[in-house]
Amino acid sequence: MKGWEAFRVALDALRGNRVRSLLTMLGIIIGIAAVIVVVSIGSGARQQIERQVEGLGSNLILVVPGQFDTNNLGNNAAATSTMQIRDGQVLADVVGDPRAVTARVTTGAQVRAGTREQFTTVQGADQNLPQVLNRAVADGQYFTSVDVDSRRRVAVLGATAARNLFPGTDPVGRQVTISGTRFEVIGVLTEQGESFGVSLDNEVHVPVTTAQRLFSLDRVDAFAVKSPSASQVPDLSERLWQAMKAQYPDQTFSAVTQTQILGVIGQILGLLTAVLAAIAGISLLVGGVGVSNIMLVSVRERTREIGLRKALGARQRDVLVQFLVEAVLLTSVGGVIGILIGVAVSVGVNEVSPLPAVIEWWSPVVAFVVSAAVGIFFGVFPARRAGRLDPVVALRSE
């Protein structure tokens, strides 16, 4: 039997039992669609996180207390930090540029402006933060080294904090109260969006020295260091770590690069995507079992037809190919429908929900190949059973 004839016979067989064929394909359709949606959401989340990490600053290295590795995101709780502001000079000497290092202290506090009040993230920083972390000022100015040295009570608001505390009003020159202490607003940062689900716009920046005095702190949570170039990041990261170990021999520190952060997050997302895809793949398994079952039923129903074909000269291979083509056609059509549904759902998720979804070009291709492979795998047994039927026995069957 020629390939085209086998395809035509298989197509006629499926058309003759449309409802049964559709129900048989249902598991394949659901499985393929689910896998495409899961992979799309996983790819979208990975790309979004990569943009957020890159948005923290180019060639960035974070010097933090604690141990960072791929199995432990860091034993670096701020409360255990022993770093001091003066350590910034040590790191600046390693980099060779004092403007490439910024100290940070982070906490949360109630911020009030007149009758309006909001809980925000208070960032204690120095004058280098805009350059190191790519944070531009939209209105007014950022604080200077003089403000940091003199512990001035000045504040720079994030875009969301500015809108909520001073709706319809320019906040520059006005005052806010942070934990009972008045600050003069000298600037507003450009809108930044979110990073790892946390808004970067609901922030208030104050000089790091002022933040330490305001919240009775004697530490620095972290230092952000900007490498001169991407090629120097690995070597510079090692030298920064060695400098901190020389300062505090009994303490553990990490110099974390963006590549390390992305690597850990990529592993987590990859594992999560694989687990979800495996769960979705169960539908493919169920669908494959259904295909095998229906093909066995089809073999029984068409026993006399098989016997007649063999009596007229059809070989065992011809019968096997015919039923195998039917199984592959059944799963392939289901795969195409599942791909279309999966792509449509992924586009809809990306458009109407906060979940990002990016359709990778290879996912529909792989999905189609998998659906065809399911047809081959689960169609072989029924096809072989049909091919081995004795024509005399088959013709005598009722």
Protein backbone atom coordinates (compact mmCIF):
# COMPACT_ATOMS: atom_id res chain seq x y z
CA MET A 1 0.00 0.00 0.00
CA LYS A 2 1.39 3.36 -1.02
CA GLY A 3 1.82 6.12 1.51
CA TRP A 4 -0.82 8.38 -0.03
CA GLU A 5 -3.35 5.57 -0.18
CA ALA A 6 -2.69 4.69 3.46
CA PHE A 7 -3.22 8.35 4.38
CA ARG A 8 -6.48 8.49 2.40
CA VAL A 9 -7.82 5.33 4.03
CA ALA A 10 -6.83 6.61 7.49
CA LEU A 11 -8.55 9.94 6.83
CA ASP A 12 -11.72 8.21 5.68
CA ALA A 13 -11.69 6.05 8.83
CA LEU A 14 -11.42 9.11 11.07
CA ARG A 15 -14.14 10.95 9.17
CA GLY A 16 -16.42 7.96 9.56
CA ASN A 17 -16.21 8.24 13.35
CA ARG A 18 -15.92 12.00 13.91
CA VAL A 19 -17.25 12.11 17.46
CA ARG A 20 -15.16 9.17 18.62
CA SER A 21 -12.07 10.63 16.96
CA LEU A 22 -12.61 14.01 18.60
CA LEU A 23 -13.09 12.48 22.04
CA THR A 24 -9.96 10.37 21.52
CA MET A 25 -7.96 13.48 20.57
CA LEU A 26 -9.18 15.40 23.62
CA GLY A 27 -6.38 14.19 25.91
CA ILE A 28 -3.77 15.07 23.26
CA ILE A 29 -5.32 18.51 22.71
CA ILE A 30 -5.38 19.34 26.42
CA GLY A 31 -1.85 18.03 27.00
CA ILE A 32 -0.27 19.89 24.07
CA ALA A 33 -2.11 23.14 24.88
CA ALA A 34 -1.13 22.92 28.56
CA VAL A 35 2.53 22.30 27.76
CA ILE A 36 2.70 25.28 25.39
CA VAL A 37 1.01 27.59 27.93
CA VAL A 38 3.31 26.45 30.75
CA VAL A 39 6.45 26.86 28.63
CA SER A 40 5.26 30.29 27.43
CA ILE A 41 4.61 31.54 30.96
CA GLY A 42 7.95 30.15 32.15
CA SER A 43 9.81 31.84 29.27
CA GLY A 44 7.96 35.10 29.86
CA ALA A 45 8.77 35.05 33.58
CA ARG A 46 12.43 34.35 32.83
CA GLN A 47 12.68 37.26 30.37
CA GLN A 48 10.88 39.61 32.76
CA ILE A 49 13.23 38.73 35.61
CA GLU A 50 16.25 39.18 33.35
CA ARG A 51 15.03 42.67 32.47
CA GLN A 52 14.44 43.46 36.15
CA VAL A 53 17.91 42.28 37.16
CA GLU A 54 19.51 44.21 34.31
CA GLY A 55 17.42 47.24 35.34
CA LEU A 56 19.16 47.25 38.72
CA GLY A 57 22.25 48.55 36.97
CA SER A 58 24.71 47.42 34.34
CA ASN A 59 27.77 45.39 35.38
CA LEU A 60 26.50 45.43 38.95
CA ILE A 61 28.10 43.60 41.89
CA LEU A 62 26.37 43.43 45.26
CA VAL A 63 28.59 43.04 48.32
CA VAL A 64 26.47 41.53 51.07
CA PRO A 65 27.04 39.67 54.35
CA GLY A 66 26.47 35.93 54.34
CA GLN A 67 27.06 33.09 51.91
CA PHE A 68 25.58 33.07 48.42
CA ASP A 69 25.48 29.93 46.28
CA THR A 70 23.14 28.12 43.92
CA ASN A 71 21.56 26.13 46.74
CA ASN A 72 21.30 28.97 49.25
CA LEU A 73 20.21 32.42 48.20
CA GLY A 74 22.20 33.93 50.98
CA ASN A 75 22.45 33.93 54.71
CA ASN A 76 22.59 37.68 54.54
CA ALA A 77 19.93 39.07 56.79
CA ALA A 78 20.54 42.77 57.33
CA ALA A 79 20.48 42.33 61.10
CA THR A 80 23.69 40.25 60.91
CA SER A 81 25.62 42.81 58.87
CA THR A 82 28.82 44.20 60.37
CA MET A 83 29.69 46.43 57.41
CA GLN A 84 30.28 50.11 58.03
CA ILE A 85 30.10 53.17 55.78
CA ARG A 86 33.89 53.45 55.89
CA ASP A 87 34.11 50.07 54.13
CA GLY A 88 32.88 51.83 51.01
CA GLN A 89 36.29 53.48 50.70
CA VAL A 90 37.96 50.05 50.84
CA LEU A 91 35.78 48.86 47.98
CA ALA A 92 36.32 52.09 46.07
CA ASP A 93 40.09 51.57 46.28
CA VAL A 94 39.63 48.12 44.73
CA VAL A 95 37.52 49.51 41.87
CA GLY A 96 39.63 52.61 41.43
CA ASP A 97 36.63 54.94 41.28
CA PRO A 98 34.88 56.27 44.43
CA ARG A 99 31.79 57.09 42.36
CA ALA A 100 31.31 53.41 41.47
CA VAL A 101 30.36 52.35 45.04
CA THR A 102 27.18 53.15 46.93
CA ALA A 103 26.17 52.11 50.45
CA ARG A 104 22.60 51.09 51.27
CA VAL A 105 20.45 50.73 54.35
CA THR A 106 16.90 49.53 53.78
CA THR A 107 13.92 49.57 56.10
CA GLY A 108 10.21 50.34 56.06
CA ALA A 109 8.43 53.25 57.71
CA GLN A 110 5.27 55.33 57.71
CA VAL A 111 5.69 58.49 55.65
CA ARG A 112 3.22 61.33 56.11
CA ALA A 113 2.58 64.49 54.14
CA GLY A 114 -0.14 66.63 55.70
CA THR A 115 -3.16 64.39 56.17
CA ARG A 116 -1.89 61.74 53.77
CA GLU A 117 0.07 58.78 55.07
CA GLN A 118 1.66 55.75 53.41
CA PHE A 119 3.92 52.89 54.36
CA THR A 120 6.97 52.95 52.09
CA THR A 121 10.43 51.48 51.74
CA VAL A 122 13.02 53.90 53.10
CA GLN A 123 16.36 53.61 51.35
CA GLY A 124 19.38 55.09 53.08
CA ALA A 125 21.90 55.77 50.31
CA ASP A 126 24.70 58.08 49.31
CA GLN A 127 25.22 60.44 46.40
CA ASN A 128 26.50 57.67 44.09
CA LEU A 129 23.28 55.64 43.95
CA PRO A 130 21.81 57.22 40.76
CA GLN A 131 24.95 56.43 38.80
CA VAL A 132 25.52 52.93 40.18
CA LEU A 133 21.90 51.72 40.04
CA ASN A 134 20.74 53.72 36.99
CA ARG A 135 18.15 55.73 38.92
CA ALA A 136 17.49 59.03 37.18
CA VAL A 137 15.86 62.04 38.84
CA ALA A 138 12.75 63.33 37.06
CA ASP A 139 12.28 66.50 39.12
CA GLY A 140 14.60 68.36 41.48
CA GLN A 141 17.90 66.73 42.41
CA TYR A 142 19.45 63.87 44.34
CA PHE A 143 21.31 64.55 47.55
CA THR A 144 25.02 65.38 47.50
CA SER A 145 28.06 64.24 49.47
CA VAL A 146 27.61 67.32 51.67
CA ASP A 147 24.09 66.16 52.51
CA VAL A 148 25.43 62.73 53.46
CA ASP A 149 28.35 64.05 55.52
CA SER A 150 26.19 66.57 57.39
CA ARG A 151 23.29 64.12 57.91
CA ARG A 152 20.81 66.53 56.37
CA ARG A 153 17.14 65.68 56.61
CA VAL A 154 16.41 65.69 52.89
CA ALA A 155 14.43 63.12 50.92
CA VAL A 156 13.98 62.02 47.31
CA LEU A 157 10.64 60.37 46.56
CA GLY A 158 9.87 57.50 44.24
CA ALA A 159 7.25 58.19 41.56
CA THR A 160 4.44 56.27 43.31
CA ALA A 161 5.21 57.73 46.73
CA ALA A 162 5.21 61.23 45.22
CA ARG A 163 1.82 60.71 43.54
CA ASN A 164 0.21 59.25 46.64
CA LEU A 165 1.58 61.80 49.11
CA PHE A 166 1.27 64.85 46.85
CA PRO A 167 -1.49 64.15 44.31
CA GLY A 168 -1.56 66.82 41.61
CA THR A 169 1.14 68.85 43.37
CA ASP A 170 4.87 69.26 42.83
CA PRO A 171 6.43 67.75 45.97
CA VAL A 172 9.83 69.43 45.55
CA GLY A 173 10.33 71.94 48.34
CA ARG A 174 7.60 70.49 50.50
CA GLN A 175 8.00 68.42 53.64
CA VAL A 176 7.29 64.83 54.64
CA THR A 177 7.47 63.18 58.04
CA ILE A 178 9.33 59.88 58.36
CA SER A 179 8.98 58.09 61.71
CA GLY A 180 8.14 61.40 63.37
CA THR A 181 11.03 63.38 61.82
CA ARG A 182 10.52 66.09 59.20
CA PHE A 183 12.37 65.91 55.87
CA GLU A 184 12.50 68.35 52.99
CA VAL A 185 11.71 66.84 49.60
CA ILE A 186 14.42 67.83 47.12
CA GLY A 187 13.66 65.49 44.23
CA VAL A 188 11.47 62.87 42.59
CA LEU A 189 12.85 59.78 40.83
CA THR A 190 11.72 58.61 37.41
CA GLU A 191 9.22 55.76 37.27
CA GLN A 192 11.01 52.42 37.51
CA GLY A 193 8.34 49.72 37.84
CA GLU A 194 8.74 46.52 39.83
CA SER A 195 11.65 44.26 40.61
CA PHE A 196 10.85 40.72 41.83
CA GLY A 197 7.30 41.79 42.65
CA VAL A 198 8.41 44.78 44.76
CA SER A 199 7.66 48.31 43.56
CA LEU A 200 10.77 50.44 43.11
CA ASP A 201 8.58 53.54 42.94
CA ASN A 202 7.09 53.24 46.42
CA GLU A 203 10.36 54.35 47.99
CA VAL A 204 11.80 57.31 49.83
CA HIS A 205 15.55 57.88 49.62
CA VAL A 206 17.40 59.69 52.41
CA PRO A 207 21.13 60.09 53.12
CA VAL A 208 22.52 56.86 54.56
CA THR A 209 23.96 58.67 57.58
CA THR A 210 20.58 60.25 58.28
CA ALA A 211 18.86 56.87 58.00
CA GLN A 212 21.32 55.35 60.48
CA ARG A 213 20.64 58.07 63.01
CA LEU A 214 16.86 58.01 62.39
CA PHE A 215 16.55 54.26 62.91
CA SER A 216 19.39 53.87 65.43
CA LEU A 217 21.53 51.73 63.15
CA ASP A 218 25.30 51.35 63.09
CA ARG A 219 25.58 49.13 60.03
CA VAL A 220 25.26 49.11 56.25
CA ASP A 221 23.07 46.42 54.70
CA ALA A 222 24.93 46.18 51.40
CA PHE A 223 27.25 47.90 48.96
CA ALA A 224 26.46 48.09 45.26
CA VAL A 225 29.52 48.30 43.03
CA LYS A 226 29.52 49.16 39.32
CA SER A 227 32.24 47.42 37.33
CA PRO A 228 33.96 49.46 34.58
CA SER A 229 33.07 46.74 32.05
CA ALA A 230 31.31 43.39 31.83
CA SER A 231 34.59 41.56 31.17
CA GLN A 232 36.01 42.77 34.49
CA VAL A 233 33.05 41.63 36.62
CA PRO A 234 34.35 38.13 37.58
CA ASP A 235 37.84 39.34 38.56
CA LEU A 236 36.51 42.43 40.32
CA SER A 237 33.97 40.35 42.23
CA GLU A 238 36.76 38.14 43.58
CA ARG A 239 38.91 41.13 44.59
CA LEU A 240 36.00 42.83 46.34
CA TRP A 241 35.33 39.65 48.31
CA GLN A 242 38.98 39.37 49.30
CA ALA A 243 39.00 43.03 50.43
CA MET A 244 36.02 42.47 52.73
CA LYS A 245 37.53 39.26 54.13
CA ALA A 246 40.71 41.20 54.92
CA GLN A 247 38.59 43.75 56.81
CA TYR A 248 36.56 41.14 58.70
CA PRO A 249 38.45 37.82 58.82
CA ASP A 250 35.87 36.15 61.06
CA GLN A 251 32.87 37.13 58.92
CA THR A 252 31.38 35.64 55.75
CA PHE A 253 30.72 37.85 52.74
CA SER A 254 29.56 37.45 49.18
CA ALA A 255 30.19 39.54 46.08
CA VAL A 256 27.16 38.62 44.01
CA THR A 257 27.04 39.34 40.29
CA GLN A 258 24.00 39.67 38.06
CA THR A 259 25.01 36.46 36.29
CA GLN A 260 24.86 34.56 39.59
CA ILE A 261 21.47 36.02 40.45
CA LEU A 262 20.09 35.13 37.01
CA GLY A 263 21.63 31.66 37.25
CA VAL A 264 19.88 30.84 40.52
CA ILE A 265 16.57 32.31 39.39
CA GLY A 266 16.91 30.49 36.06
CA GLN A 267 17.41 27.18 37.87
CA ILE A 268 14.35 27.77 40.03
CA LEU A 269 12.16 28.79 37.08
CA GLY A 270 13.51 25.96 34.95
CA LEU A 271 12.72 23.39 37.63
CA LEU A 272 9.25 24.85 38.21
CA THR A 273 8.52 24.89 34.48
CA ALA A 274 9.72 21.31 34.10
CA VAL A 275 7.50 20.12 36.96
CA LEU A 276 4.45 21.91 35.59
CA ALA A 277 5.18 20.65 32.07
CA ALA A 278 5.50 17.10 33.42
CA ILE A 279 2.12 17.45 35.13
CA ALA A 280 0.63 18.73 31.89
CA GLY A 281 2.34 15.86 30.07
CA ILE A 282 0.22 13.41 32.05
CA SER A 283 -2.64 14.46 29.76
CA LEU A 284 -0.53 13.31 26.83
CA LEU A 285 -0.01 9.95 28.49
CA VAL A 286 -3.73 9.60 29.15
CA GLY A 287 -4.46 10.69 25.60
CA GLY A 288 -1.97 8.16 24.26
CA VAL A 289 -3.61 5.35 26.21
CA GLY A 290 -6.95 6.47 24.81
CA VAL A 291 -5.55 6.36 21.27
CA SER A 292 -4.22 2.84 21.81
CA ASN A 293 -7.57 1.71 23.21
CA ILE A 294 -9.58 3.20 20.36
CA MET A 295 -7.24 1.70 17.77
CA LEU A 296 -7.68 -1.74 19.36
CA VAL A 297 -11.45 -1.26 19.15
CA SER A 298 -11.04 -0.22 15.52
CA VAL A 299 -9.01 -3.35 14.76
CA ARG A 300 -11.77 -5.52 16.21
CA GLU A 301 -14.51 -3.68 14.33
CA ARG A 302 -12.65 -3.98 11.02
CA THR A 303 -11.45 -7.57 11.34
CA ARG A 304 -13.35 -8.71 8.23
CA GLU A 305 -11.98 -5.74 6.27
CA ILE A 306 -8.45 -6.73 7.28
CA GLY A 307 -9.08 -10.34 6.29
CA LEU A 308 -10.44 -9.28 2.91
CA ARG A 309 -7.44 -7.07 2.21
CA LYS A 310 -5.03 -9.83 3.11
CA ALA A 311 -6.95 -12.28 0.94
CA LEU A 312 -6.59 -9.84 -1.97
CA GLY A 313 -2.81 -9.67 -1.51
CA ALA A 314 -2.18 -7.07 1.17
CA ARG A 315 0.94 -7.82 3.14
CA GLN A 316 1.29 -7.71 6.90
CA ARG A 317 3.39 -4.55 6.55
CA ASP A 318 0.64 -2.85 4.51
CA VAL A 319 -1.96 -3.44 7.22
CA LEU A 320 0.47 -2.36 9.95
CA VAL A 321 1.29 0.88 8.09
CA GLN A 322 -2.40 1.62 7.53
CA PHE A 323 -3.33 1.45 11.22
CA LEU A 324 -0.12 3.19 12.31
CA VAL A 325 -0.89 6.08 9.94
CA GLU A 326 -4.37 6.30 11.45
CA ALA A 327 -2.94 6.57 14.97
CA VAL A 328 -0.35 9.18 13.96
CA LEU A 329 -2.95 11.17 12.01
CA LEU A 330 -5.26 11.09 15.02
CA THR A 331 -2.63 12.44 17.42
CA SER A 332 -1.16 14.89 14.88
CA VAL A 333 -4.52 16.52 14.24
CA GLY A 334 -5.05 16.69 17.99
CA GLY A 335 -1.55 18.18 18.33
CA VAL A 336 -2.29 20.92 15.77
CA ILE A 337 -5.55 21.82 17.51
CA GLY A 338 -3.74 21.81 20.88
CA ILE A 339 -1.01 24.08 19.47
CA LEU A 340 -3.58 26.57 18.20
CA ILE A 341 -5.41 26.57 21.54
CA GLY A 342 -2.14 26.82 23.50
CA VAL A 343 -0.89 29.77 21.41
CA ALA A 344 -4.26 31.53 21.72
CA VAL A 345 -4.37 31.03 25.50
CA SER A 346 -0.74 32.21 25.87
CA VAL A 347 -1.48 35.39 23.91
CA GLY A 348 -4.60 35.96 26.00
CA VAL A 349 -2.71 35.42 29.28
CA ASN A 350 -0.04 37.91 28.19
CA GLU A 351 -2.63 40.51 27.20
CA VAL A 352 -5.18 40.37 30.01
CA SER A 353 -3.27 39.08 33.04
CA PRO A 354 -0.19 40.20 35.01
CA LEU A 355 1.55 36.94 34.05
CA PRO A 356 4.01 37.42 31.18
CA ALA A 357 3.86 34.81 28.42
CA VAL A 358 6.35 34.55 25.56
CA ILE A 359 5.81 31.89 22.91
CA GLU A 360 9.16 30.36 21.99
CA TRP A 361 9.38 29.40 18.30
CA TRP A 362 10.49 25.89 19.18
CA SER A 363 7.63 25.02 21.53
CA PRO A 364 4.95 24.46 18.81
CA VAL A 365 7.48 22.48 16.76
CA VAL A 366 8.39 20.26 19.69
CA ALA A 367 4.72 19.92 20.62
CA PHE A 368 3.85 18.69 17.13
CA VAL A 369 6.75 16.22 17.10
CA VAL A 370 5.70 14.93 20.53
CA SER A 371 2.09 14.47 19.42
CA ALA A 372 3.22 12.49 16.37
CA ALA A 373 5.58 10.44 18.55
CA VAL A 374 2.70 9.63 20.90
CA GLY A 375 0.75 8.32 17.91
CA ILE A 376 3.64 6.11 16.85
CA PHE A 377 4.32 4.82 20.35
CA PHE A 378 0.73 4.03 21.26
CA GLY A 379 -0.26 2.96 17.74
CA VAL A 380 2.39 0.31 17.22
CA PHE A 381 0.70 -2.39 19.32
CA PRO A 382 -2.76 -2.12 17.72
CA ALA A 383 -1.15 -1.88 14.26
CA ARG A 384 0.97 -4.98 14.84
CA ARG A 385 -2.07 -6.83 16.12
CA ALA A 386 -3.97 -5.92 12.98
CA GLY A 387 -1.07 -6.94 10.74
CA ARG A 388 -0.74 -10.37 12.38
CA LEU A 389 -4.39 -11.36 11.90
CA ASP A 390 -4.80 -14.59 9.94
CA PRO A 391 -6.90 -13.76 6.84
CA VAL A 392 -8.98 -16.97 7.08
CA VAL A 393 -9.80 -16.34 10.76
CA ALA A 394 -10.49 -12.69 10.02
CA LEU A 395 -12.94 -13.49 7.20
CA ARG A 396 -14.82 -15.95 9.44
CA SER A 397 -15.27 -13.34 12.24
CA GLU A 398 -18.69 -11.83 12.77
